[in-house]
C-alpha cells in the first residue's frame, strides 16, 4: 500500500477517504449502468487501504518519538494516532450502514477487530507477564470467530454486495 514510510501514510489515508467519499456521494447520483462495475471494488479496496494505513500508523512499533528512545505506550503521538484510527474506522462503519454499503461496513468492522487485537497484543508485549494468556485469549477468540463466520456466510458475501 505504500505505507513503508511515515509521510506515505497520510497520503494513503486521504486518498482512501476521498475515494470512499466520492463513492458515497455518487452512489445515488450516477446512472446504475455506469456505477455498478465499480461499486464493489471501490468499496472493498478503499476500505482495505484505509484499514491497513490505520493499522500501520497506530502500531506501537511504527511510531517513533524523538523524546522517547524506548518504545512506550504512554506517548502523546501514540494516543493521537490511535484516537484517529478509532474515529476513522467507526466513521467508515457508520457510513457503510448509512449509505448503505455492506461492503464498507463489513470491511471496516474486520479492521476494527484487527486493530483491537493489535492493541491487546501490544499491551501484553509491553507487560511481559500478560503475553501468553493474551495470546491464548486471542487464539480462542479467532477460533470462535471462524466458527461464527462458517455459520454466518452471509457476512462474507456481504463484502461483495452491491
Protein backbone atom coordinates (compact mmCIF):
# COMPACT_ATOMS: atom_id res chain seq x y z
CA UNK A 1 0.00 0.00 0.00
CA UNK A 2 3.00 2.31 0.02
CA UNK A 3 2.95 2.74 3.81
CA UNK A 4 6.60 1.93 4.37
CA UNK A 5 7.45 5.44 5.47
CA UNK A 6 5.70 7.78 7.84
CA UNK A 7 4.93 10.51 5.23
CA UNK A 8 3.23 7.96 2.94
CA UNK A 9 0.56 7.03 5.48
CA UNK A 10 -1.37 10.35 5.48
CA UNK A 11 -1.39 10.26 1.66
CA UNK A 12 -2.90 6.77 1.76
CA UNK A 13 -5.45 7.81 4.38
CA UNK A 14 -6.52 10.93 2.49
CA UNK A 15 -6.74 9.05 -0.80
CA UNK A 16 -8.87 6.32 0.76
CA UNK A 17 -11.17 8.80 2.49
CA UNK A 18 -11.59 10.80 -0.73
CA UNK A 19 -12.27 7.62 -2.72
CA UNK A 20 -14.87 6.39 -0.21
CA UNK A 21 -16.46 9.86 0.00
CA UNK A 22 -16.73 10.05 -3.77
CA UNK A 23 -18.22 6.56 -3.77
CA UNK A 24 -20.83 7.55 -1.19
CA UNK A 25 -21.66 10.80 -2.99
CA UNK A 26 -22.06 9.20 -6.41
CA UNK A 27 -23.87 6.08 -5.22
CA UNK A 28 -27.27 7.69 -5.78
CA UNK A 29 -26.39 10.24 -8.46
CA UNK A 30 -24.71 8.16 -11.16
CA UNK A 31 -26.78 6.03 -13.52
CA UNK A 32 -26.95 2.40 -12.44
CA UNK A 33 -25.23 1.05 -15.57
CA UNK A 34 -22.23 3.36 -15.02
CA UNK A 35 -21.77 2.78 -11.29
CA UNK A 36 -22.35 -0.96 -10.87
CA UNK A 37 -18.98 -2.22 -12.23
CA UNK A 38 -17.04 -0.04 -9.79
CA UNK A 39 -19.08 -0.24 -6.60
CA UNK A 40 -17.72 -3.44 -5.10
CA UNK A 41 -14.08 -2.75 -5.96
CA UNK A 42 -14.12 0.85 -4.74
CA UNK A 43 -15.92 -0.04 -1.51
CA UNK A 44 -13.76 -3.02 -0.59
CA UNK A 45 -10.34 -1.82 -1.73
CA UNK A 46 -10.87 1.73 -0.49
CA UNK A 47 -11.74 0.40 2.95
CA UNK A 48 -8.86 -2.10 2.89
CA UNK A 49 -6.38 0.68 2.06
CA UNK A 50 -7.78 2.84 4.87
CA UNK A 51 -7.75 -0.03 7.36
CA UNK A 52 -4.20 -1.07 6.52
CA UNK A 53 -2.98 2.52 6.80
CA UNK A 54 -4.64 2.81 10.20
CA UNK A 55 -3.20 -0.49 11.44
CA UNK A 56 0.29 0.54 10.39
CA UNK A 57 0.05 4.13 11.62
CA UNK A 58 -1.29 3.20 15.05
CA UNK A 59 1.19 0.40 15.63
CA UNK A 60 3.42 0.84 18.67
CA UNK A 61 6.49 -0.29 16.77
CA UNK A 62 5.94 2.08 13.85
CA UNK A 63 5.60 5.29 15.86
CA UNK A 64 8.92 6.91 16.61
CA UNK A 65 9.14 9.65 19.21
CA UNK A 66 12.11 11.95 19.37
CA UNK A 67 11.85 12.35 23.15
CA UNK A 68 11.31 8.66 23.86
CA UNK A 69 14.15 6.43 22.67
CA UNK A 70 12.39 3.40 24.16
CA UNK A 71 9.01 2.30 22.92
CA UNK A 72 6.32 3.24 25.36
CA UNK A 73 2.55 3.05 25.38
CA UNK A 74 2.39 6.42 27.05
CA UNK A 75 3.40 8.82 24.31
CA UNK A 76 1.15 11.58 23.05
CA UNK A 77 1.67 10.65 19.41
CA UNK A 78 0.66 7.05 20.09
CA UNK A 79 -2.59 8.12 21.74
CA UNK A 80 -3.41 10.61 18.98
CA UNK A 81 -2.80 8.08 16.21
CA UNK A 82 -4.99 5.52 17.96
CA UNK A 83 -7.77 8.04 18.50
CA UNK A 84 -7.61 8.92 14.80
CA UNK A 85 -7.75 5.22 13.93
CA UNK A 86 -10.81 4.68 16.12
CA UNK A 87 -12.50 7.74 14.64
CA UNK A 88 -11.83 6.78 11.02
CA UNK A 89 -12.80 3.12 11.42
CA UNK A 90 -16.01 3.85 13.32
CA UNK A 91 -16.91 6.58 10.83
CA UNK A 92 -16.37 4.11 7.98
CA UNK A 93 -18.60 1.56 9.76
CA UNK A 94 -21.32 4.16 10.31
CA UNK A 95 -21.06 5.40 6.73
CA UNK A 96 -21.29 1.83 5.48
CA UNK A 97 -24.60 1.44 7.28
CA UNK A 98 -25.92 4.86 6.27
CA UNK A 99 -25.02 4.81 2.55
CA UNK A 100 -25.96 1.72 2.64
CA UNK A 101 -22.92 -0.28 1.63
CA UNK A 102 -22.49 -3.61 3.40
CA UNK A 103 -19.02 -3.94 1.85
CA UNK A 104 -17.72 -0.80 3.60
CA UNK A 105 -19.43 -1.68 6.90
CA UNK A 106 -18.15 -5.27 6.94
CA UNK A 107 -14.60 -4.46 5.85
CA UNK A 108 -14.23 -1.64 8.37
CA UNK A 109 -15.61 -3.92 11.11
CA UNK A 110 -12.95 -6.50 10.26
CA UNK A 111 -10.22 -3.86 10.51
CA UNK A 112 -11.64 -2.54 13.78
CA UNK A 113 -11.41 -6.05 15.25
CA UNK A 114 -7.84 -6.41 13.91
CA UNK A 115 -6.99 -3.03 15.48
CA UNK A 116 -8.40 -4.16 18.85
CA UNK A 117 -6.42 -7.42 18.72
CA UNK A 118 -3.28 -5.48 17.83
CA UNK A 119 -3.75 -3.13 20.81
CA UNK A 120 -4.31 -6.08 23.16
CA UNK A 121 -1.11 -7.76 21.96
CA UNK A 122 0.85 -4.50 22.19
CA UNK A 123 -0.27 -4.11 25.78
CA UNK A 124 0.59 -7.71 26.51
CA UNK A 125 4.01 -7.30 24.92
CA UNK A 126 4.78 -4.21 26.99
CA UNK A 127 3.89 -6.09 30.17
CA UNK A 128 5.64 -9.40 29.50
CA UNK A 129 3.78 -11.10 32.34
CA UNK A 130 0.47 -10.97 30.44
CA UNK A 131 1.73 -12.06 26.99
CA UNK A 132 0.95 -15.78 26.90
CA UNK A 133 -2.52 -15.61 28.45
CA UNK A 134 -3.28 -12.86 25.97
CA UNK A 135 -2.12 -14.98 23.03
CA UNK A 136 -4.32 -17.80 24.33
CA UNK A 137 -7.34 -15.48 24.55
CA UNK A 138 -6.77 -14.12 21.05
CA UNK A 139 -6.44 -17.66 19.70
CA UNK A 140 -9.69 -18.71 21.36
CA UNK A 141 -11.40 -15.59 20.00
CA UNK A 142 -10.16 -16.24 16.47
CA UNK A 143 -11.33 -19.86 16.71
CA UNK A 144 -14.76 -18.64 17.84
CA UNK A 145 -14.83 -16.04 15.04
CA UNK A 146 -14.05 -18.71 12.45
CA UNK A 147 -16.94 -20.84 13.74
CA UNK A 148 -19.23 -17.81 13.63
CA UNK A 149 -18.16 -16.96 10.07
CA UNK A 150 -18.80 -20.52 8.99
CA UNK A 151 -22.32 -20.36 10.41
CA UNK A 152 -22.97 -16.85 9.01
CA UNK A 153 -21.58 -16.99 5.50
CA UNK A 154 -23.82 -14.05 4.56
CA UNK A 155 -21.31 -11.78 6.36
CA UNK A 156 -18.54 -12.76 3.94
CA UNK A 157 -20.83 -12.47 0.94
CA UNK A 158 -21.87 -9.00 2.11
CA UNK A 159 -18.31 -7.82 1.48
CA UNK A 160 -19.06 -8.03 -2.22
CA UNK A 161 -22.71 -6.98 -2.11
CA UNK A 162 -23.67 -4.01 -4.18
